[in-house]
N, C-alpha and C. Protein backbone atom coordinates (compact mmCIF):
# COMPACT_ATOMS: atom_id res chain seq x y z
N MET A 1 -18.34 -3.08 16.84
CA MET A 1 -16.81 -3.42 16.33
C MET A 1 -15.81 -2.53 17.00
N SER A 2 -14.57 -3.10 16.96
CA SER A 2 -13.68 -2.03 17.70
C SER A 2 -13.33 -0.75 17.05
N ASP A 3 -12.74 0.30 17.37
CA ASP A 3 -12.43 1.72 17.06
C ASP A 3 -11.56 1.29 15.98
N ALA A 4 -10.41 0.08 16.08
CA ALA A 4 -9.49 -0.62 14.70
C ALA A 4 -10.03 -0.70 13.83
N HIS A 5 -11.35 -1.35 14.06
CA HIS A 5 -11.91 -1.91 12.63
C HIS A 5 -12.77 -1.05 12.02
N ALA A 6 -13.26 0.20 12.65
CA ALA A 6 -14.42 1.15 12.12
C ALA A 6 -13.76 1.92 10.80
N PRO A 7 -12.59 1.95 11.05
CA PRO A 7 -12.04 2.81 9.36
C PRO A 7 -11.62 2.50 8.28
N LEU A 8 -11.37 0.66 8.61
CA LEU A 8 -11.15 0.05 7.90
C LEU A 8 -12.92 -0.75 7.14
N ALA A 9 -13.73 -0.48 8.36
CA ALA A 9 -15.49 -0.92 7.71
C ALA A 9 -16.07 0.00 6.46
N GLY A 10 -15.29 1.37 6.97
CA GLY A 10 -15.85 2.76 5.72
C GLY A 10 -15.07 2.11 4.52
N LEU A 11 -13.86 1.89 4.44
CA LEU A 11 -12.97 1.93 3.61
C LEU A 11 -13.60 0.52 2.54
N LEU A 12 -13.71 -0.45 3.17
CA LEU A 12 -14.24 -1.57 2.76
C LEU A 12 -15.66 -1.37 1.68
N GLU A 13 -16.78 -0.34 2.62
CA GLU A 13 -17.94 -0.24 1.78
C GLU A 13 -17.71 0.37 0.79
N ARG A 14 -16.70 1.35 0.89
CA ARG A 14 -16.66 2.23 -0.33
C ARG A 14 -15.94 1.21 -1.42
N LEU A 15 -14.85 0.54 -1.38
CA LEU A 15 -14.14 -0.52 -2.27
C LEU A 15 -15.60 -1.24 -2.88
N GLY A 16 -16.42 -2.07 -1.68
CA GLY A 16 -17.40 -2.74 -2.27
C GLY A 16 -18.38 -1.99 -3.50
N GLU A 17 -18.51 -0.74 -3.42
CA GLU A 17 -19.30 0.04 -4.43
C GLU A 17 -18.47 0.32 -5.24
N LEU A 18 -17.14 0.35 -5.21
CA LEU A 18 -16.73 0.94 -6.65
C LEU A 18 -16.14 -0.69 -7.27
N THR A 19 -16.06 -1.41 -6.57
CA THR A 19 -15.94 -2.79 -7.53
C THR A 19 -17.10 -3.40 -7.87
N GLU A 20 -18.35 -2.72 -7.34
CA GLU A 20 -19.54 -3.64 -7.52
C GLU A 20 -19.77 -5.21 -6.88
N ARG A 21 -19.04 -5.04 -5.68
CA ARG A 21 -18.68 -6.48 -5.03
C ARG A 21 -18.67 -6.39 -3.74
N PRO A 22 -19.70 -5.70 -3.05
CA PRO A 22 -20.03 -5.51 -1.68
C PRO A 22 -20.28 -6.75 -0.74
N GLY A 23 -18.66 -6.99 0.21
CA GLY A 23 -19.13 -8.06 0.82
C GLY A 23 -18.45 -9.40 0.33
N ARG A 24 -17.91 -9.32 -0.85
CA ARG A 24 -17.48 -10.11 -1.89
C ARG A 24 -15.82 -9.76 -2.18
N LEU A 25 -14.99 -8.77 -1.47
CA LEU A 25 -13.92 -8.06 -2.10
C LEU A 25 -13.07 -9.20 -2.16
N PRO A 26 -12.71 -10.63 -0.99
CA PRO A 26 -11.69 -11.49 -1.75
C PRO A 26 -11.93 -11.96 -3.13
N GLU A 27 -12.69 -12.00 -3.54
CA GLU A 27 -12.92 -12.19 -4.83
C GLU A 27 -12.27 -11.36 -5.91
N VAL A 28 -12.06 -9.84 -5.95
CA VAL A 28 -11.60 -9.13 -6.86
C VAL A 28 -10.28 -8.17 -6.10
N LEU A 29 -9.91 -8.26 -5.21
CA LEU A 29 -8.66 -7.86 -4.98
C LEU A 29 -7.76 -9.00 -4.50
N ASP A 30 -7.13 -8.60 -4.66
CA ASP A 30 -5.24 -9.48 -4.63
C ASP A 30 -5.07 -9.51 -3.14
N VAL A 31 -5.38 -10.57 -2.84
CA VAL A 31 -5.21 -11.34 -0.94
C VAL A 31 -3.93 -11.52 -1.06
N THR A 32 -2.93 -12.23 -1.64
CA THR A 32 -1.87 -12.67 -1.52
C THR A 32 -1.09 -11.79 -1.28
N ASP A 33 -1.11 -10.65 -2.21
CA ASP A 33 -0.15 -9.38 -2.52
C ASP A 33 -0.36 -8.79 -1.23
N LEU A 34 -1.69 -8.51 -1.23
CA LEU A 34 -2.18 -7.60 0.65
C LEU A 34 -1.48 -8.16 1.68
N SER A 35 -1.27 -9.83 1.76
CA SER A 35 -0.75 -10.49 2.91
C SER A 35 0.94 -10.02 2.82
N TYR A 36 0.91 -10.19 1.54
CA TYR A 36 2.97 -9.64 1.17
C TYR A 36 3.21 -8.59 2.10
N ARG A 37 2.57 -7.56 1.85
CA ARG A 37 2.80 -6.34 2.14
C ARG A 37 2.70 -5.88 3.52
N THR A 38 1.70 -6.53 4.35
CA THR A 38 1.26 -6.38 5.49
C THR A 38 1.80 -7.17 6.65
N GLY A 39 2.35 -8.61 5.86
CA GLY A 39 2.88 -9.44 6.79
C GLY A 39 1.71 -10.37 7.74
N ILE A 40 0.59 -10.03 7.42
CA ILE A 40 -0.85 -10.69 7.75
C ILE A 40 -1.16 -11.67 6.89
N PRO A 41 -1.56 -13.16 7.75
CA PRO A 41 -1.48 -14.21 6.69
C PRO A 41 -2.93 -14.19 6.06
N ALA A 42 -3.07 -14.80 4.63
CA ALA A 42 -3.99 -14.61 3.95
C ALA A 42 -4.96 -14.55 4.21
N GLU A 43 -5.50 -15.82 5.05
CA GLU A 43 -6.64 -16.08 5.24
C GLU A 43 -7.29 -15.08 6.27
N VAL A 44 -6.27 -14.72 6.90
CA VAL A 44 -6.95 -13.42 7.71
C VAL A 44 -7.28 -12.20 7.00
N VAL A 45 -6.18 -12.08 6.07
CA VAL A 45 -6.60 -10.74 4.94
C VAL A 45 -8.08 -11.10 4.40
N ALA A 46 -8.01 -12.34 3.81
CA ALA A 46 -9.22 -12.59 3.39
C ALA A 46 -10.53 -12.34 4.45
N ARG A 47 -10.42 -13.09 5.79
CA ARG A 47 -11.54 -12.87 6.39
C ARG A 47 -12.07 -11.00 6.57
N LEU A 48 -10.97 -10.18 6.90
CA LEU A 48 -11.00 -8.98 7.07
C LEU A 48 -11.79 -8.36 5.86
N LEU A 49 -11.09 -8.64 4.78
CA LEU A 49 -11.78 -7.76 3.47
C LEU A 49 -13.37 -8.57 3.35
N GLY A 50 -13.49 -9.81 4.32
CA GLY A 50 -15.01 -9.93 3.81
C GLY A 50 -15.84 -9.37 4.86
N GLY A 51 -15.30 -8.68 5.77
CA GLY A 51 -16.24 -8.13 6.90
C GLY A 51 -16.02 -8.74 8.19
N GLY A 52 -15.02 -9.72 8.22
CA GLY A 52 -14.80 -10.28 9.67
C GLY A 52 -13.89 -9.63 10.23
N THR A 53 -13.49 -10.43 11.42
CA THR A 53 -12.63 -10.15 12.35
C THR A 53 -11.16 -10.46 12.11
N ALA A 54 -10.13 -10.13 12.96
CA ALA A 54 -9.04 -10.80 13.04
C ALA A 54 -9.02 -11.41 14.40
N PRO A 55 -8.13 -12.68 14.52
CA PRO A 55 -7.85 -12.57 15.64
C PRO A 55 -7.12 -11.61 16.96
N GLU A 56 -7.29 -11.50 18.05
CA GLU A 56 -6.72 -10.76 18.90
C GLU A 56 -5.30 -10.88 19.19
N THR A 57 -4.22 -10.26 18.86
CA THR A 57 -3.01 -10.75 19.13
C THR A 57 -2.53 -9.41 19.84
N GLY A 58 -1.49 -9.60 20.36
CA GLY A 58 -0.73 -8.84 21.21
C GLY A 58 0.40 -8.30 20.45
N LEU A 59 0.98 -7.10 21.20
CA LEU A 59 2.42 -6.20 20.42
C LEU A 59 3.19 -7.56 20.17
N ALA A 60 3.86 -8.56 21.27
CA ALA A 60 4.73 -9.04 21.32
C ALA A 60 4.68 -10.30 20.25
N GLU A 61 3.19 -10.75 20.18
CA GLU A 61 3.13 -12.01 19.26
C GLU A 61 3.16 -11.46 17.65
N ARG A 62 2.45 -10.12 17.63
CA ARG A 62 2.34 -9.67 16.25
C ARG A 62 4.44 -9.21 15.70
N VAL A 63 4.68 -8.69 16.93
CA VAL A 63 6.23 -8.57 16.15
C VAL A 63 6.95 -9.88 15.59
N ARG A 64 6.40 -10.59 16.56
CA ARG A 64 7.28 -11.90 16.62
C ARG A 64 6.73 -12.98 15.13
N GLN A 65 5.34 -12.85 14.95
CA GLN A 65 4.48 -13.02 13.67
C GLN A 65 5.24 -12.34 12.39
N ARG A 66 5.27 -11.37 12.45
CA ARG A 66 5.83 -10.77 11.06
C ARG A 66 7.47 -10.79 10.74
N LEU A 67 8.13 -10.95 11.93
CA LEU A 67 9.58 -11.34 11.66
C LEU A 67 9.78 -12.90 11.11
N ASP A 68 8.62 -13.80 11.69
CA ASP A 68 8.54 -14.86 11.01
C ASP A 68 8.17 -14.86 9.72
N PHE A 69 7.09 -13.83 9.09
CA PHE A 69 7.08 -13.89 8.24
C PHE A 69 7.27 -13.35 7.06
N ILE A 70 8.67 -12.78 7.46
CA ILE A 70 9.34 -11.85 6.77
C ILE A 70 10.73 -13.08 6.11
N ARG A 71 11.28 -13.94 7.17
CA ARG A 71 11.54 -15.12 6.85
C ARG A 71 11.06 -15.71 5.75
N GLU A 72 9.63 -16.36 5.91
CA GLU A 72 8.93 -17.27 4.90
C GLU A 72 8.86 -16.84 3.50
N THR A 73 8.74 -15.20 3.30
CA THR A 73 8.26 -15.02 2.22
C THR A 73 9.45 -13.84 1.67
N ARG A 74 9.96 -13.43 2.30
CA ARG A 74 11.21 -12.56 1.54
C ARG A 74 12.55 -13.39 0.70
N ARG A 75 13.12 -13.33 0.24
CA ARG A 75 14.14 -14.53 -0.50
C ARG A 75 15.81 -13.66 -0.68
N ARG A 76 16.90 -13.82 -0.41
CA ARG A 76 18.09 -13.25 -1.07
C ARG A 76 18.06 -13.41 -2.60
N PRO A 77 19.10 -12.55 -3.24
CA PRO A 77 18.95 -12.29 -4.33
C PRO A 77 19.35 -13.84 -5.54
N ASP A 78 19.90 -15.10 -4.67
CA ASP A 78 19.67 -16.05 -4.85
C ASP A 78 18.99 -17.20 -4.50
N GLY A 79 17.79 -16.55 -4.01
CA GLY A 79 16.36 -17.43 -4.05
C GLY A 79 15.97 -17.87 -2.99
N LYS A 80 17.37 -17.89 -1.68
CA LYS A 80 17.47 -18.81 -0.71
C LYS A 80 16.54 -17.49 0.19
N ARG A 81 16.43 -18.63 1.60
CA ARG A 81 15.83 -18.13 2.69
C ARG A 81 16.85 -17.22 3.27
N TYR A 82 16.43 -15.91 4.03
CA TYR A 82 17.48 -15.51 5.03
C TYR A 82 17.73 -16.25 5.88
N ALA A 83 18.96 -16.05 6.43
CA ALA A 83 19.36 -16.95 7.54
C ALA A 83 19.37 -15.95 8.89
N LEU A 84 19.16 -16.49 10.08
CA LEU A 84 19.27 -15.35 11.28
C LEU A 84 20.47 -14.26 11.37
N ASP A 85 21.72 -15.17 11.20
CA ASP A 85 22.62 -14.66 11.55
C ASP A 85 22.70 -13.24 9.92
N GLU A 86 22.03 -13.51 8.91
CA GLU A 86 21.71 -12.24 7.73
C GLU A 86 20.85 -11.32 8.34
N LEU A 87 19.63 -11.75 8.83
CA LEU A 87 18.81 -10.84 9.45
C LEU A 87 19.56 -10.13 10.49
N ALA A 88 19.81 -10.52 11.15
CA ALA A 88 20.62 -9.99 12.18
C ALA A 88 21.45 -9.05 11.75
N ARG A 89 22.51 -9.18 11.06
CA ARG A 89 23.23 -8.27 10.86
C ARG A 89 22.50 -7.05 9.81
N ILE A 90 21.32 -7.79 9.25
CA ILE A 90 20.56 -6.28 8.64
C ILE A 90 20.20 -5.39 9.89
N ALA A 91 19.83 -6.18 10.98
CA ALA A 91 18.88 -5.18 11.85
C ALA A 91 19.95 -4.80 12.74
N GLY A 92 21.29 -4.97 12.55
CA GLY A 92 22.32 -3.93 13.44
C GLY A 92 22.43 -5.01 14.95
N THR A 93 22.16 -5.96 14.64
CA THR A 93 22.43 -6.80 15.91
C THR A 93 23.30 -8.14 15.81
N SER A 94 23.08 -8.82 16.77
CA SER A 94 23.78 -10.20 16.79
C SER A 94 22.93 -11.09 16.70
N ARG A 95 22.89 -12.62 16.41
CA ARG A 95 22.21 -13.65 16.52
C ARG A 95 21.58 -13.96 17.48
N GLN A 96 22.65 -13.74 18.32
CA GLN A 96 21.85 -13.93 19.93
C GLN A 96 20.58 -12.92 20.00
N TRP A 97 21.00 -11.57 20.38
CA TRP A 97 19.95 -10.92 20.46
C TRP A 97 18.62 -10.74 19.75
N LEU A 98 18.96 -11.11 18.80
CA LEU A 98 17.73 -11.63 17.05
C LEU A 98 16.91 -12.71 17.65
N SER A 99 17.46 -13.98 18.12
CA SER A 99 17.06 -14.92 18.63
C SER A 99 15.87 -14.65 20.11
N GLU A 100 16.64 -13.81 20.85
CA GLU A 100 15.84 -13.28 21.95
C GLU A 100 14.42 -12.69 21.81
N TRP A 101 14.78 -11.53 20.67
CA TRP A 101 13.59 -10.98 20.60
C TRP A 101 12.71 -11.25 20.10
N ARG A 102 13.19 -12.63 18.97
CA ARG A 102 11.83 -13.25 18.53
C ARG A 102 11.27 -13.81 19.50
N LYS A 103 11.59 -14.26 20.69
CA LYS A 103 10.88 -15.01 21.31
C LYS A 103 10.20 -14.08 22.46
N SER A 104 10.93 -13.05 22.50
CA SER A 104 9.96 -11.84 23.54
C SER A 104 8.95 -10.72 22.95
N GLY A 105 9.09 -11.08 21.40
CA GLY A 105 8.90 -10.08 20.59
C GLY A 105 9.06 -8.56 20.87
N MET A 106 9.74 -8.17 21.52
CA MET A 106 9.79 -6.59 21.94
C MET A 106 11.37 -6.29 21.45
N PRO A 107 11.54 -5.76 20.06
CA PRO A 107 13.10 -5.55 19.68
C PRO A 107 12.87 -3.90 20.08
N SER A 108 14.31 -3.52 19.71
CA SER A 108 14.43 -1.85 19.57
C SER A 108 13.61 -1.45 18.35
N LEU A 109 13.34 -0.50 18.63
CA LEU A 109 12.84 0.37 17.25
C LEU A 109 13.56 0.31 16.56
N GLU A 110 15.44 0.60 17.06
CA GLU A 110 16.10 0.89 15.60
C GLU A 110 15.90 -0.52 15.04
N HIS A 111 16.21 -1.15 15.56
CA HIS A 111 16.60 -2.83 14.62
C HIS A 111 15.99 -3.24 13.88
N THR A 112 14.18 -2.81 14.62
CA THR A 112 13.37 -3.12 13.72
C THR A 112 12.97 -1.81 12.09
N ASP A 113 13.33 -0.81 12.62
CA ASP A 113 13.33 0.08 11.85
C ASP A 113 14.46 -0.33 10.58
N ARG A 114 15.89 -0.59 10.72
CA ARG A 114 16.49 -1.13 9.99
C ARG A 114 16.06 -2.25 9.08
N LEU A 115 15.49 -3.26 9.50
CA LEU A 115 14.88 -4.53 8.74
C LEU A 115 13.75 -4.04 7.78
N ARG A 116 12.99 -3.14 8.54
CA ARG A 116 12.11 -2.29 7.48
C ARG A 116 12.17 -1.76 6.31
N ARG A 117 13.69 -0.95 6.68
CA ARG A 117 13.98 -0.16 5.24
C ARG A 117 14.23 -0.89 4.70
N PHE A 118 15.20 -2.21 4.67
CA PHE A 118 16.01 -3.10 3.96
C PHE A 118 14.90 -3.86 3.06
N PHE A 119 14.10 -4.44 4.08
CA PHE A 119 12.85 -4.91 2.76
C PHE A 119 11.76 -4.19 2.33
N GLY A 120 11.85 -2.77 2.20
CA GLY A 120 10.73 -1.79 1.70
C GLY A 120 9.56 -1.88 2.45
N LEU A 121 9.58 -1.81 3.67
CA LEU A 121 8.48 -2.49 4.23
C LEU A 121 7.55 -0.80 4.81
N PRO A 122 6.29 -1.17 4.84
CA PRO A 122 5.92 0.15 5.33
C PRO A 122 6.31 0.72 6.95
N ALA A 123 5.88 1.99 7.08
CA ALA A 123 6.06 2.17 8.51
C ALA A 123 4.97 1.71 9.45
N GLY A 124 5.13 0.87 10.60
CA GLY A 124 4.17 0.67 11.34
C GLY A 124 4.33 -0.78 10.90
N TYR A 125 5.07 -1.66 10.29
CA TYR A 125 4.79 -2.96 9.81
C TYR A 125 4.89 -4.22 10.92
N PHE A 126 5.92 -3.81 11.82
CA PHE A 126 5.84 -4.71 13.11
C PHE A 126 5.17 -4.21 13.99
N THR A 127 4.46 -3.39 14.20
CA THR A 127 3.55 -3.00 15.43
C THR A 127 2.01 -2.64 15.10
N ALA A 128 1.27 -2.65 13.69
CA ALA A 128 0.32 -2.32 13.52
C ALA A 128 -0.51 -3.34 13.68
N ASP A 129 -1.97 -3.02 14.34
CA ASP A 129 -2.98 -4.14 14.30
C ASP A 129 -3.34 -4.29 13.08
N GLU A 130 -3.90 -5.64 12.44
CA GLU A 130 -4.39 -6.28 11.79
C GLU A 130 -5.26 -5.18 10.67
N PRO A 131 -6.16 -4.74 11.35
CA PRO A 131 -6.84 -3.70 10.50
C PRO A 131 -6.34 -2.41 9.83
N GLU A 132 -5.67 -1.83 10.96
CA GLU A 132 -4.61 -0.70 10.67
C GLU A 132 -3.92 -1.09 9.63
N ALA A 133 -2.84 -2.07 9.60
CA ALA A 133 -2.08 -2.58 8.36
C ALA A 133 -2.81 -2.58 7.16
N LEU A 134 -3.88 -3.28 7.17
CA LEU A 134 -4.93 -3.55 5.77
C LEU A 134 -5.40 -2.42 5.45
N TYR A 135 -5.71 -1.39 6.19
CA TYR A 135 -6.49 -0.14 5.81
C TYR A 135 -5.17 0.58 5.45
N GLU A 136 -4.20 0.28 5.82
CA GLU A 136 -2.73 1.54 4.97
C GLU A 136 -2.76 0.75 3.70
N ALA A 137 -3.27 -0.60 3.80
CA ALA A 137 -2.19 -0.97 2.69
C ALA A 137 -3.27 -0.61 1.08
N LEU A 138 -4.81 -0.48 1.77
CA LEU A 138 -5.30 -0.75 0.27
C LEU A 138 -6.01 1.03 0.32
N GLN A 139 -5.36 1.84 0.92
CA GLN A 139 -5.27 3.06 0.11
C GLN A 139 -4.80 3.24 -0.64
N PRO A 140 -3.88 3.00 -1.40
CA PRO A 140 -3.68 3.17 -3.20
C PRO A 140 -4.44 2.21 -3.67
N VAL A 141 -5.18 1.13 -3.08
CA VAL A 141 -6.24 0.23 -4.27
C VAL A 141 -7.14 1.54 -4.28
N LEU A 142 -7.65 1.78 -3.32
CA LEU A 142 -8.88 3.08 -3.32
C LEU A 142 -8.64 3.68 -4.04
N GLN A 143 -7.60 4.77 -3.99
CA GLN A 143 -7.31 5.80 -4.74
C GLN A 143 -7.59 5.13 -6.37
N SER A 144 -6.66 4.30 -6.74
CA SER A 144 -6.13 4.21 -8.08
C SER A 144 -8.06 3.36 -8.73
N LEU A 145 -8.95 2.52 -7.69
CA LEU A 145 -10.27 2.84 -8.24
C LEU A 145 -10.89 3.81 -8.38
N GLU A 146 -10.96 4.74 -7.71
CA GLU A 146 -11.63 6.54 -7.41
C GLU A 146 -11.01 6.76 -8.65
N ALA A 147 -9.83 6.92 -9.16
CA ALA A 147 -9.30 7.33 -10.88
C ALA A 147 -9.71 6.85 -11.46
N GLN A 148 -10.37 5.28 -11.80
CA GLN A 148 -10.81 4.77 -12.79
C GLN A 148 -12.54 5.32 -13.14
N ALA A 149 -12.78 5.41 -11.72
CA ALA A 149 -14.19 5.59 -11.66
C ALA A 149 -14.63 7.07 -12.02
N ASP A 150 -13.97 8.20 -11.89
CA ASP A 150 -13.61 9.38 -12.22
C ASP A 150 -12.30 10.09 -12.55
N PRO A 151 -11.88 9.87 -13.67
CA PRO A 151 -10.79 10.55 -14.44
C PRO A 151 -10.55 11.69 -14.16
N LEU A 152 -11.49 12.91 -13.85
CA LEU A 152 -10.95 13.94 -13.70
C LEU A 152 -10.89 14.29 -12.28
N LEU A 153 -10.60 13.11 -11.37
CA LEU A 153 -10.69 13.37 -9.84
C LEU A 153 -9.17 13.71 -9.53
N ARG A 154 -7.96 13.22 -10.28
CA ARG A 154 -6.90 13.53 -9.77
C ARG A 154 -6.82 15.36 -10.31
N LEU A 155 -7.55 15.93 -11.59
CA LEU A 155 -7.49 17.10 -11.87
C LEU A 155 -7.95 18.00 -11.09
N ARG A 156 -9.42 17.41 -10.31
CA ARG A 156 -9.87 18.39 -9.17
C ARG A 156 -8.92 18.34 -8.10
N GLU A 157 -8.57 17.19 -7.51
CA GLU A 157 -7.54 17.31 -6.25
C GLU A 157 -6.63 18.46 -6.50
N SER A 158 -5.76 18.28 -8.24
CA SER A 158 -4.90 19.43 -8.08
C SER A 158 -5.25 20.76 -8.23
N GLY A 159 -6.35 21.04 -8.44
CA GLY A 159 -6.83 22.37 -8.68
C GLY A 159 -6.76 22.65 -10.01
N LEU A 160 -6.61 22.02 -11.03
CA LEU A 160 -6.20 22.11 -12.38
C LEU A 160 -7.96 22.65 -13.12
N VAL A 161 -8.95 22.02 -12.64
CA VAL A 161 -10.17 22.27 -13.27
C VAL A 161 -10.50 23.69 -12.78
N ARG A 162 -10.54 23.87 -10.91
CA ARG A 162 -10.81 25.11 -11.02
C ARG A 162 -9.75 26.24 -11.33
N LEU A 163 -8.84 26.03 -11.71
CA LEU A 163 -7.77 26.59 -11.88
C LEU A 163 -8.39 27.38 -13.63
N ALA A 164 -9.05 26.42 -14.16
CA ALA A 164 -9.07 26.60 -15.98
C ALA A 164 -10.70 26.83 -15.62
N MET A 165 -11.64 27.11 -14.80
CA MET A 165 -12.74 27.88 -14.38
C MET A 165 -12.27 29.63 -14.48
N ARG A 166 -11.56 29.69 -13.38
CA ARG A 166 -10.70 30.91 -13.45
C ARG A 166 -10.08 31.53 -14.57
N ALA A 167 -10.08 31.01 -15.86
CA ALA A 167 -9.05 31.59 -16.62
C ALA A 167 -10.07 32.81 -17.00
N PRO A 168 -11.31 33.44 -17.51
CA PRO A 168 -11.61 34.32 -18.14
C PRO A 168 -11.40 35.66 -16.95
N ARG A 169 -10.90 35.29 -15.19
CA ARG A 169 -9.94 36.31 -14.62
C ARG A 169 -8.72 36.68 -14.35
N MET A 170 -8.16 35.67 -15.65
CA MET A 170 -6.64 35.81 -15.46
C MET A 170 -6.00 36.47 -16.09
N ASN A 171 -4.52 37.26 -16.29
CA ASN A 171 -4.08 38.19 -16.72
C ASN A 171 -3.42 37.20 -17.81
N PRO A 172 -3.12 37.89 -18.88
CA PRO A 172 -2.15 37.13 -20.12
C PRO A 172 -1.15 36.06 -19.90
N ARG A 173 -0.26 36.70 -19.09
CA ARG A 173 0.64 35.81 -18.61
C ARG A 173 0.30 34.40 -17.56
N GLN A 174 -0.74 34.72 -16.71
CA GLN A 174 -1.43 33.13 -16.34
C GLN A 174 -2.13 32.30 -17.22
N LEU A 175 -2.82 33.33 -18.32
CA LEU A 175 -3.01 32.36 -19.13
C LEU A 175 -2.55 31.74 -20.19
N ALA A 176 -1.33 31.76 -20.45
CA ALA A 176 -0.35 31.47 -21.58
C ALA A 176 0.34 30.40 -20.46
N THR A 177 0.64 30.40 -19.18
CA THR A 177 1.02 29.51 -18.48
C THR A 177 0.08 28.30 -18.60
N LEU A 178 -1.47 28.83 -18.00
CA LEU A 178 -2.22 27.29 -17.78
C LEU A 178 -2.03 26.79 -19.57
N ALA A 179 -1.94 27.45 -20.56
CA ALA A 179 -2.10 26.94 -22.06
C ALA A 179 -1.37 25.81 -22.14
N ASP A 180 0.15 26.61 -21.73
CA ASP A 180 1.43 25.60 -21.87
C ASP A 180 1.41 24.48 -21.20
N LEU A 181 0.69 24.61 -19.85
CA LEU A 181 0.17 23.22 -19.08
C LEU A 181 -0.85 22.18 -20.15
N ALA A 182 -1.49 22.89 -20.16
CA ALA A 182 -2.76 21.85 -20.95
C ALA A 182 -1.96 21.22 -22.41
N GLU A 183 -1.49 22.16 -23.38
CA GLU A 183 -0.55 21.96 -24.34
C GLU A 183 0.15 20.60 -23.65
N MET A 184 1.23 20.80 -22.82
CA MET A 184 2.17 19.89 -22.57
C MET A 184 1.07 18.24 -21.93
N ILE A 185 0.19 18.44 -21.20
CA ILE A 185 -0.61 17.31 -21.19
C ILE A 185 -0.85 16.53 -22.36
N ILE A 186 -1.70 17.41 -23.39
CA ILE A 186 -2.01 17.02 -24.33
C ILE A 186 -0.73 16.19 -25.20
N THR A 187 -0.04 16.89 -25.29
CA THR A 187 1.13 16.36 -26.06
C THR A 187 1.76 14.72 -25.49
N SER A 188 2.05 15.13 -24.13
CA SER A 188 2.23 13.74 -23.48
C SER A 188 1.15 12.66 -23.87
N GLU A 189 0.16 12.51 -23.89
CA GLU A 189 -1.33 11.88 -24.08
C GLU A 189 -0.64 11.56 -25.51
N ASP A 190 -0.62 12.46 -26.34
CA ASP A 190 -0.10 11.79 -27.75
C ASP A 190 0.84 10.92 -27.70
N THR A 191 1.67 11.11 -27.20
CA THR A 191 2.81 10.23 -27.78
C THR A 191 2.95 8.49 -26.92
N TYR A 192 2.09 9.03 -25.68
CA TYR A 192 1.68 7.38 -25.07
C TYR A 192 0.92 6.81 -26.22
N ALA A 193 -0.21 7.45 -26.67
CA ALA A 193 -1.37 6.79 -28.03
C ALA A 193 -0.59 6.21 -28.83
N SER A 194 0.63 6.92 -29.13
CA SER A 194 1.52 6.54 -30.69
C SER A 194 2.00 5.36 -30.05
N ALA A 195 2.66 5.78 -28.65
CA ALA A 195 3.50 4.42 -28.50
C ALA A 195 2.61 3.39 -28.27
N ASP A 196 1.76 3.01 -27.86
CA ASP A 196 0.43 2.08 -27.67
C ASP A 196 0.64 1.75 -29.21
N ILE A 197 0.15 2.50 -29.94
CA ILE A 197 -0.51 2.13 -31.54
C ILE A 197 0.70 1.25 -32.30
N THR A 198 2.23 1.83 -31.85
CA THR A 198 3.09 1.40 -32.83
C THR A 198 3.60 -0.10 -31.78
N LYS A 199 3.25 -0.34 -30.45
CA LYS A 199 3.57 -1.61 -29.77
C LYS A 199 2.78 -2.80 -30.58
N ASP A 200 1.32 -2.01 -30.36
CA ASP A 200 0.15 -3.05 -30.98
C ASP A 200 0.63 -3.63 -32.47
N GLY A 201 0.89 -2.64 -33.23
CA GLY A 201 1.29 -3.04 -34.85
C GLY A 201 2.38 -3.79 -34.78
N GLN A 202 3.20 -4.44 -33.86
CA GLN A 202 4.03 -5.08 -33.92
C GLN A 202 4.33 -6.46 -34.23
């Protein structure tokens, strides 16, 4: 296994534990959404999630493929596909130059960064190899599943549980601040619960 695949393999193993579907992650994760966010074809995403490898691609080929992927998957507000002229304007270049770097796969960093920002794409969208891109896209999925498996995880990570355990050694002002914070959390939770009940009752 290459160095690029090693971090992804560890993350997939953890996701397999959390979902209780080791080796069967394409059944429980949104392959289409992961493809949309990474620019990796859905079949390659599924293969990587299943523990397989991605076809070897060079940097120029990846850049070209992901630019074409944007044209195929992103739409203008009117639902139509972006023309090359429009993508060139977004990138801050001419259609001629855009056509050239589609062929060469070697645009300037400034042009790709403009496209990336316009479409809300992650850093490294055009250049990250497939395992690296999928690894980054799966990080929020992992965090969400870990939070569901351990509701106190975010509290521990933020230090609140550790803070509460230190309460006996706090001065009155610190204790009052901690109590206010706890009250704010409880109140907001009650508000959300009431809103859910009202919504269900309609």
